[in-house]
């Protein structure tokens, strides 16, 4: 067994439906690596081609610290200087051996090295090529896109922030989902290849992903003529559907979204007077009464603890959620009990080699979570073995290293 292989805690081996599939990815940051991670988690051999000095996300600080280990588990790493003619040839030979090639560079970049779909499919018509861009081909495709850019221009930041204060979502939603859609396209293309024998190019893009996310709001306007208000200022269809600040400054989300739930809510909290008030009997009455009802509820709940309210809501089956931070989830009893977190070793930085917990792909297959088979790779960890797999001998590999074509 590879000493860097991490087994899941399950007594059974999770399914690997893509075992035997070779994926070569020319990716960086989040979008492209997410596509590769999904395919790797499902059993594919995913080969990450990195520059000689490594994917720059290995060295990011702050909010980018978790990018590389999060999205590059279960992959192999080879470092190649694509600017060197022999390096580009190594990459082309490796790509020619693949079932799938994934990339997320600017339009035209891959063509410079003969690594675009047209060039690779001419050699291997069965190849599936997953291209991840900022925009699908069209008037915007020359622009440089980031998750934040498309959130701002695509209506998501407007919907997330308060009126006049656009706010990006709290995670890389378009990058991650763009990679997921790329992987979905690859899976569909694999099925089609099984029928026709030919591969195809699959394209996914940040902007179009973002537009898909806000499509429900676009349809609301198309159907009603009324623009959707930003979420913090939206007209709530339910009276009790909000965050409450309670004892000790803790916060908890509570909801009662039907007349029956309103009755249960009042019973659980001892609000018999509110339940008996005919002016609050129906949901729409309570919605109209929110200007007075919500302050009254906030005052009544302020002395209760979040733990007490959570226990009450859980017991009677009402929606609730204590407000938690991402770091709190590392100790979440549900995630720990269901195998939603897995151990892996960090490849870089001051904590290289240390074990941390990471989140797994949020599905089960045959009742099993798809675990961590390979820790995120060290830079060039698999270079020699991968070159041997495509016909390079030891002398050729040494010569390429001597020229700094590979690392």
Protein backbone atom coordinates (compact mmCIF):
# COMPACT_ATOMS: atom_id res chain seq x y z
CA UNK A 1 0.00 0.00 0.00
CA UNK A 2 1.24 3.49 -0.78
CA UNK A 3 2.37 4.97 2.59
CA UNK A 4 0.45 8.14 1.77
CA UNK A 5 -2.81 6.28 1.20
CA UNK A 6 -5.49 7.07 3.75
CA UNK A 7 -8.24 4.50 4.20
CA UNK A 8 -11.75 5.40 5.20
CA UNK A 9 -13.05 4.38 8.61
CA UNK A 10 -15.78 2.25 7.03
CA UNK A 11 -15.51 -1.53 7.21
CA UNK A 12 -16.45 -1.65 3.52
CA UNK A 13 -14.65 -0.29 0.47
CA UNK A 14 -16.62 2.59 -1.07
CA UNK A 15 -17.60 2.08 -4.71
CA UNK A 16 -15.20 3.43 -7.33
CA UNK A 17 -17.35 3.62 -10.46
CA UNK A 18 -14.66 5.49 -12.40
CA UNK A 19 -11.79 3.12 -11.54
CA UNK A 20 -9.61 2.59 -14.61
CA UNK A 21 -10.39 6.05 -16.02
CA UNK A 22 -7.37 8.32 -16.51
CA UNK A 23 -7.91 12.07 -16.14
CA UNK A 24 -5.17 14.60 -16.87
CA UNK A 25 -5.92 18.04 -15.49
CA UNK A 26 -4.27 21.36 -16.28
CA UNK A 27 -6.01 23.28 -13.53
CA UNK A 28 -5.44 25.76 -10.75
CA UNK A 29 -7.38 27.65 -8.08
CA UNK A 30 -10.84 26.11 -7.42
CA UNK A 31 -13.08 25.57 -10.47
CA UNK A 32 -11.00 23.10 -12.49
CA UNK A 33 -9.63 21.28 -9.44
CA UNK A 34 -13.18 20.75 -8.18
CA UNK A 35 -14.06 18.89 -11.38
CA UNK A 36 -10.99 16.71 -10.99
CA UNK A 37 -11.71 16.10 -7.30
CA UNK A 38 -15.20 14.78 -8.08
CA UNK A 39 -13.83 12.37 -10.69
CA UNK A 40 -10.99 11.34 -8.35
CA UNK A 41 -13.35 10.74 -5.44
CA UNK A 42 -15.34 8.41 -7.71
CA UNK A 43 -12.24 6.34 -8.42
CA UNK A 44 -10.58 7.88 -11.48
CA UNK A 45 -6.81 8.21 -11.68
CA UNK A 46 -6.49 11.99 -11.76
CA UNK A 47 -3.11 13.42 -12.73
CA UNK A 48 -2.53 17.05 -11.82
CA UNK A 49 0.00 18.77 -14.08
CA UNK A 50 1.64 21.60 -12.20
CA UNK A 51 4.24 24.23 -13.13
CA UNK A 52 7.81 23.53 -12.00
CA UNK A 53 7.30 25.79 -8.98
CA UNK A 54 3.91 24.27 -8.22
CA UNK A 55 0.28 25.31 -8.33
CA UNK A 56 0.26 28.75 -6.74
CA UNK A 57 -2.68 27.80 -4.56
CA UNK A 58 -0.20 25.72 -2.55
CA UNK A 59 1.18 29.01 -1.27
CA UNK A 60 -1.95 31.11 -0.76
CA UNK A 61 -2.61 32.68 2.62
CA UNK A 62 -5.78 33.88 4.33
CA UNK A 63 -9.04 32.75 2.75
CA UNK A 64 -7.11 30.76 0.14
CA UNK A 65 -5.18 28.60 2.61
CA UNK A 66 -7.53 25.64 2.28
CA UNK A 67 -7.87 25.69 -1.52
CA UNK A 68 -5.15 23.21 -2.46
CA UNK A 69 -5.73 20.50 0.16
CA UNK A 70 -9.51 20.75 -0.18
CA UNK A 71 -9.74 20.29 -3.95
CA UNK A 72 -6.70 18.14 -4.76
CA UNK A 73 -7.09 14.99 -2.70
CA UNK A 74 -7.05 11.60 -4.43
CA UNK A 75 -4.82 13.03 -7.18
CA UNK A 76 -1.28 12.45 -8.42
CA UNK A 77 1.13 15.33 -9.14
CA UNK A 78 3.62 15.79 -11.93
CA UNK A 79 5.54 19.05 -12.42
CA UNK A 80 6.27 20.07 -16.02
CA UNK A 81 7.61 23.26 -17.62
CA UNK A 82 5.17 23.67 -20.50
CA UNK A 83 7.17 26.60 -21.85
CA UNK A 84 10.01 24.22 -22.71
CA UNK A 85 9.38 22.34 -25.99
CA UNK A 86 10.26 19.01 -24.41
CA UNK A 87 7.97 19.81 -21.48
CA UNK A 88 5.07 20.51 -23.82
CA UNK A 89 5.79 17.20 -25.57
CA UNK A 90 5.70 15.35 -22.23
CA UNK A 91 2.34 16.96 -21.48
CA UNK A 92 0.95 16.04 -24.92
CA UNK A 93 2.03 12.41 -24.50
CA UNK A 94 0.45 12.28 -21.07
CA UNK A 95 -2.76 13.88 -22.35
CA UNK A 96 -2.86 11.41 -25.25
CA UNK A 97 -2.94 8.58 -22.70
CA UNK A 98 -5.99 10.05 -20.96
CA UNK A 99 -9.70 9.41 -21.20
CA UNK A 100 -10.44 12.92 -19.95
CA UNK A 101 -8.49 16.18 -20.03
CA UNK A 102 -9.63 19.07 -17.83
CA UNK A 103 -8.38 22.66 -17.92
CA UNK A 104 -9.34 26.10 -16.65
CA UNK A 105 -6.96 28.54 -18.29
CA UNK A 106 -7.75 31.63 -20.34
CA UNK A 107 -9.08 31.05 -23.86
CA UNK A 108 -6.24 30.30 -26.27
CA UNK A 109 -3.73 29.24 -23.60
CA UNK A 110 -3.93 25.49 -24.19
CA UNK A 111 -3.68 25.90 -27.96
CA UNK A 112 -0.19 27.42 -27.57
CA UNK A 113 1.07 24.03 -26.42
CA UNK A 114 -0.99 21.79 -28.68
CA UNK A 115 -3.15 20.86 -25.70
CA UNK A 116 -6.47 22.22 -26.95
CA UNK A 117 -9.38 19.94 -27.81
CA UNK A 118 -8.85 20.15 -31.57
CA UNK A 119 -5.22 19.04 -31.29
CA UNK A 120 -5.78 16.26 -28.77
CA UNK A 121 -8.92 14.86 -30.40
CA UNK A 122 -7.07 14.61 -33.72
CA UNK A 123 -4.72 12.15 -32.01
CA UNK A 124 -7.33 10.48 -29.80
CA UNK A 125 -10.94 10.86 -31.03
CA UNK A 126 -12.21 9.21 -27.82
CA UNK A 127 -10.89 11.97 -25.59
CA UNK A 128 -13.32 13.97 -23.47
CA UNK A 129 -12.18 17.53 -22.88
CA UNK A 130 -13.60 19.52 -19.96
CA UNK A 131 -12.99 23.22 -20.39
CA UNK A 132 -13.74 25.52 -17.44
CA UNK A 133 -13.89 29.23 -18.25
CA UNK A 134 -15.15 32.53 -16.95
CA UNK A 135 -17.75 32.78 -19.74
CA UNK A 136 -19.02 30.47 -22.42
CA UNK A 137 -18.06 31.59 -25.96
CA UNK A 138 -19.60 34.97 -26.73
CA UNK A 139 -19.15 38.73 -26.28
CA UNK A 140 -17.75 38.39 -22.73
CA UNK A 141 -15.37 35.48 -23.24
CA UNK A 142 -12.30 37.73 -23.48
CA UNK A 143 -12.87 39.09 -19.97
CA UNK A 144 -11.00 37.93 -16.90
CA UNK A 145 -13.51 36.39 -14.52
CA UNK A 146 -13.39 35.60 -10.83
CA UNK A 147 -16.11 34.23 -8.59
CA UNK A 148 -16.62 37.72 -7.17
CA UNK A 149 -16.75 39.28 -10.64
CA UNK A 150 -19.60 37.08 -11.83
CA UNK A 151 -21.45 37.37 -8.51
CA UNK A 152 -21.45 41.14 -8.95
CA UNK A 153 -22.46 41.19 -12.61
CA UNK A 154 -24.78 38.21 -12.35
CA UNK A 155 -27.16 39.43 -9.66
CA UNK A 156 -26.05 37.12 -6.85
CA UNK A 157 -24.22 39.77 -4.83
CA UNK A 158 -27.25 42.07 -5.23
CA UNK A 159 -29.54 39.36 -3.89
CA UNK A 160 -27.23 38.43 -1.00
CA UNK A 161 -26.51 41.88 0.42
CA UNK A 162 -28.76 44.50 1.88
CA UNK A 163 -30.20 47.09 -0.53
CA UNK A 164 -27.37 49.26 -1.78
CA UNK A 165 -24.74 46.96 -0.26
CA UNK A 166 -23.98 44.10 -2.68
CA UNK A 167 -22.24 41.24 -0.89
CA UNK A 168 -20.52 38.18 -2.26
CA UNK A 169 -21.63 34.81 -0.93
CA UNK A 170 -19.58 33.37 1.92
CA UNK A 171 -17.84 30.67 -0.13
CA UNK A 172 -16.63 30.12 -3.70
CA UNK A 173 -20.08 29.12 -4.92
CA UNK A 174 -19.54 29.62 -8.65
CA UNK A 175 -16.05 28.13 -8.71
CA UNK A 176 -17.20 25.03 -6.86
CA UNK A 177 -20.48 24.60 -8.72
CA UNK A 178 -18.81 25.37 -12.05
CA UNK A 179 -16.46 22.45 -11.36
CA UNK A 180 -19.41 20.25 -10.39
CA UNK A 181 -21.21 21.07 -13.63
CA UNK A 182 -18.01 20.31 -15.53
CA UNK A 183 -17.89 16.90 -13.87
CA UNK A 184 -21.56 16.29 -14.67
CA UNK A 185 -20.79 17.08 -18.30
CA UNK A 186 -17.87 14.63 -18.25
CA UNK A 187 -20.07 11.86 -16.85
CA UNK A 188 -22.65 12.47 -19.57
CA UNK A 189 -19.93 12.50 -22.23
CA UNK A 190 -18.59 9.18 -20.94
CA UNK A 191 -22.01 7.61 -21.39
CA UNK A 192 -22.30 9.06 -24.90
CA UNK A 193 -18.79 7.81 -25.74
CA UNK A 194 -19.89 4.32 -24.71
CA UNK A 195 -22.61 4.58 -27.35
CA UNK A 196 -20.82 6.39 -30.19
CA UNK A 197 -17.18 5.58 -29.47
CA UNK A 198 -16.25 9.26 -29.75
CA UNK A 199 -15.41 11.86 -27.15
CA UNK A 200 -16.47 15.49 -27.08
CA UNK A 201 -15.67 18.84 -25.54
CA UNK A 202 -17.61 19.86 -22.43
CA UNK A 203 -17.65 23.49 -21.35
CA UNK A 204 -18.59 25.01 -18.01
CA UNK A 205 -18.38 28.68 -17.04
CA UNK A 206 -18.55 30.86 -13.94
CA UNK A 207 -20.93 33.45 -15.35
CA UNK A 208 -23.44 30.98 -16.74
CA UNK A 209 -23.28 29.06 -13.47
CA UNK A 210 -24.13 32.23 -11.57
CA UNK A 211 -27.01 33.03 -13.91
CA UNK A 212 -28.37 29.52 -13.29
CA UNK A 213 -28.25 30.20 -9.54
CA UNK A 214 -30.33 33.37 -9.83
CA UNK A 215 -32.66 31.90 -12.44
CA UNK A 216 -35.50 31.56 -9.91
CA UNK A 217 -35.39 35.31 -9.31
CA UNK A 218 -35.32 36.02 -13.04
CA UNK A 219 -38.40 33.83 -13.49
CA UNK A 220 -40.15 35.57 -10.62
CA UNK A 221 -39.78 38.86 -12.49
CA UNK A 222 -40.74 37.30 -15.83
CA UNK A 223 -43.92 35.85 -14.33
CA UNK A 224 -45.00 38.69 -12.05
CA UNK A 225 -43.33 41.83 -13.41
CA UNK A 226 -42.10 42.46 -9.87
CA UNK A 227 -38.33 42.49 -9.30
CA UNK A 228 -37.02 40.20 -6.58
CA UNK A 229 -35.84 42.15 -3.54
CA UNK A 230 -32.43 41.36 -2.00
CA UNK A 231 -32.79 38.50 0.46
CA UNK A 232 -32.25 40.63 3.61
CA UNK A 233 -35.06 42.95 2.46
CA UNK A 234 -37.37 40.35 0.92
CA UNK A 235 -41.02 40.16 1.79
CA UNK A 236 -41.11 37.07 3.94
CA UNK A 237 -44.05 34.76 3.18
CA UNK A 238 -43.90 33.56 6.81
CA UNK A 239 -44.08 35.52 10.03
CA UNK A 240 -41.68 33.44 12.10
CA UNK A 241 -38.69 32.82 9.86
CA UNK A 242 -35.77 34.72 11.32
CA UNK A 243 -32.64 34.87 13.45
CA UNK A 244 -33.12 35.64 17.15
CA UNK A 245 -30.46 36.89 19.54
CA UNK A 246 -30.88 35.04 22.83
CA UNK A 247 -29.17 34.55 26.19
CA UNK A 248 -25.48 35.35 26.25
CA UNK A 249 -25.61 36.97 22.80
CA UNK A 250 -25.99 33.62 21.06
CA UNK A 251 -28.08 33.49 17.92
CA UNK A 252 -30.51 30.91 16.59
CA UNK A 253 -32.73 30.67 13.52
CA UNK A 254 -36.35 29.69 14.28
CA UNK A 255 -39.21 29.09 11.89
CA UNK A 256 -42.91 28.28 11.88
CA UNK A 257 -44.08 28.12 8.28
CA UNK A 258 -47.66 26.90 8.64
CA UNK A 259 -50.62 27.48 10.91
CA UNK A 260 -50.08 24.07 12.47
CA UNK A 261 -46.42 24.89 13.14
CA UNK A 262 -47.45 28.20 14.69
CA UNK A 263 -49.62 26.35 17.15
CA UNK A 264 -46.82 23.93 17.96
CA UNK A 265 -44.38 26.84 18.34
CA UNK A 266 -46.66 28.59 20.84
CA UNK A 267 -47.32 25.37 22.78
CA UNK A 268 -43.62 24.50 23.04
CA UNK A 269 -42.66 27.96 24.27
CA UNK A 270 -45.66 28.57 26.52
CA UNK A 271 -47.15 31.35 24.42
CA UNK A 272 -50.81 30.43 25.01
CA UNK A 273 -51.90 34.04 24.68
CA UNK A 274 -50.42 34.35 21.19
CA UNK A 275 -51.93 31.06 20.09
CA UNK A 276 -55.35 32.19 21.29
CA UNK A 277 -55.18 35.60 19.59
CA UNK A 278 -57.60 35.48 16.62
CA UNK A 279 -55.62 38.25 14.93
CA UNK A 280 -52.68 35.80 14.65
CA UNK A 281 -54.60 32.68 13.67
CA UNK A 282 -53.63 32.61 10.00
CA UNK A 283 -50.22 32.88 8.38
CA UNK A 284 -51.03 35.95 6.30
CA UNK A 285 -52.39 37.68 9.40
CA UNK A 286 -49.13 36.98 11.20
CA UNK A 287 -47.13 38.24 8.23
CA UNK A 288 -49.04 41.53 8.31
CA UNK A 289 -48.49 41.68 12.09
CA UNK A 290 -44.71 41.21 11.85
CA UNK A 291 -43.92 44.86 12.82
CA UNK A 292 -45.37 44.20 16.29
CA UNK A 293 -45.15 40.40 16.51
CA UNK A 294 -41.41 40.08 15.91
CA UNK A 295 -40.33 42.59 18.60
CA UNK A 296 -42.63 40.81 21.06
CA UNK A 297 -41.12 37.41 20.20
CA UNK A 298 -37.59 38.76 20.44
CA UNK A 299 -38.31 40.13 23.91
CA UNK A 300 -39.86 36.86 25.09
CA UNK A 301 -37.00 34.73 23.77
CA UNK A 302 -34.10 36.95 24.84
CA UNK A 303 -33.67 35.20 28.21
CA UNK A 304 -33.76 31.66 26.73
CA UNK A 305 -30.52 29.89 25.80
CA UNK A 306 -29.81 28.64 22.30
CA UNK A 307 -29.32 25.12 23.72
CA UNK A 308 -32.72 25.17 25.44
CA UNK A 309 -34.48 26.45 22.33
CA UNK A 310 -32.71 23.87 20.15
CA UNK A 311 -33.85 21.06 22.43
CA UNK A 312 -37.44 22.34 22.43
CA UNK A 313 -37.60 22.76 18.66
CA UNK A 314 -36.05 19.35 18.01
CA UNK A 315 -38.46 17.66 20.40
CA UNK A 316 -41.54 19.07 18.69
CA UNK A 317 -40.19 18.81 15.13
CA UNK A 318 -39.92 22.50 14.22
CA UNK A 319 -37.20 24.00 11.99
CA UNK A 320 -34.29 25.51 13.93
CA UNK A 321 -30.59 26.16 13.51
CA UNK A 322 -28.06 27.55 15.97
CA UNK A 323 -25.79 29.99 14.16
CA UNK A 324 -22.40 28.31 13.86
CA UNK A 325 -19.04 29.09 12.31
CA UNK A 326 -17.21 26.81 9.86
CA UNK A 327 -14.68 25.76 12.51
CA UNK A 328 -17.51 24.54 14.73
CA UNK A 329 -18.37 21.88 12.13
CA UNK A 330 -15.13 19.99 12.78
CA UNK A 331 -16.77 18.76 16.00
CA UNK A 332 -20.28 18.31 14.58
CA UNK A 333 -21.67 15.06 16.06
CA UNK A 334 -23.68 14.24 12.94
CA UNK A 335 -20.68 14.64 10.61
CA UNK A 336 -18.48 12.62 12.93
CA UNK A 337 -21.05 9.85 13.35
CA UNK A 338 -21.83 9.54 9.63
CA UNK A 339 -18.28 9.69 8.29
CA UNK A 340 -18.76 13.10 6.71
CA UNK A 341 -15.24 14.13 7.75
CA UNK A 342 -12.10 12.21 6.80
CA UNK A 343 -8.48 12.42 7.88
CA UNK A 344 -5.83 13.47 5.38
CA UNK A 345 -2.26 14.75 5.57
CA UNK A 346 -1.30 18.23 4.44
CA UNK A 347 1.26 18.39 1.61
CA UNK A 348 2.72 21.88 2.09
CA UNK A 349 3.54 24.64 4.55
CA UNK A 350 4.51 24.60 8.18
CA UNK A 351 2.07 21.78 8.90
CA UNK A 352 3.13 19.53 6.01
CA UNK A 353 2.63 15.90 6.94
CA UNK A 354 0.21 16.67 9.74
CA UNK A 355 -3.24 15.14 9.73
CA UNK A 356 -6.36 17.29 9.47
CA UNK A 357 -10.02 16.56 8.83
CA UNK A 358 -11.57 17.40 5.47
CA UNK A 359 -15.12 17.35 4.17
CA UNK A 360 -16.12 14.62 1.75
CA UNK A 361 -18.19 14.78 -1.41
CA UNK A 362 -21.78 14.99 -0.06
CA UNK A 363 -23.22 11.79 -1.49
CA UNK A 364 -23.25 8.11 -0.63
CA UNK A 365 -22.89 5.28 -3.13
CA UNK A 366 -24.08 1.86 -2.07
CA UNK A 367 -24.46 3.35 1.40
CA UNK A 368 -20.83 4.49 1.60
CA UNK A 369 -19.19 7.92 1.58
CA UNK A 370 -16.45 8.36 -1.03
CA UNK A 371 -13.31 8.70 1.04
CA UNK A 372 -9.72 9.86 0.82
CA UNK A 373 -7.57 7.26 -0.95
CA UNK A 374 -4.62 9.55 -1.57
CA UNK A 375 -3.61 12.58 0.45
CA UNK A 376 -3.19 15.83 -1.51
CA UNK A 377 0.09 15.23 -3.36
CA UNK A 378 3.45 16.83 -2.78
CA UNK A 379 4.68 18.77 -5.80
CA UNK A 380 5.91 16.31 -8.43
CA UNK A 381 5.38 13.36 -6.10
CA UNK A 382 4.40 11.03 -8.94
CA UNK A 383 6.47 12.50 -11.79
CA UNK A 384 8.80 9.54 -12.37
CA UNK A 385 6.11 6.86 -12.12
CA UNK A 386 3.79 8.73 -14.49
CA UNK A 387 6.50 9.27 -17.09
CA UNK A 388 7.38 5.58 -16.93
CA UNK A 389 3.71 4.79 -17.58
CA UNK A 390 3.89 6.58 -20.95
CA UNK A 391 7.19 5.06 -22.06
CA UNK A 392 10.00 7.22 -20.67
CA UNK A 393 12.96 5.30 -19.30
CA UNK A 394 15.12 6.24 -16.31
CA UNK A 395 17.81 7.89 -18.44
CA UNK A 396 15.28 10.06 -20.26
CA UNK A 397 13.65 11.07 -16.98
CA UNK A 398 17.03 12.00 -15.49
CA UNK A 399 17.84 14.08 -18.57
CA UNK A 400 14.54 15.95 -18.31
CA UNK A 401 15.21 16.66 -14.63
CA UNK A 402 18.69 17.91 -15.43
CA UNK A 403 17.18 20.43 -17.86
CA UNK A 404 14.53 21.42 -15.28
CA UNK A 405 11.84 20.35 -17.72
CA UNK A 406 10.26 18.28 -14.96
CA UNK A 407 10.42 18.25 -11.18
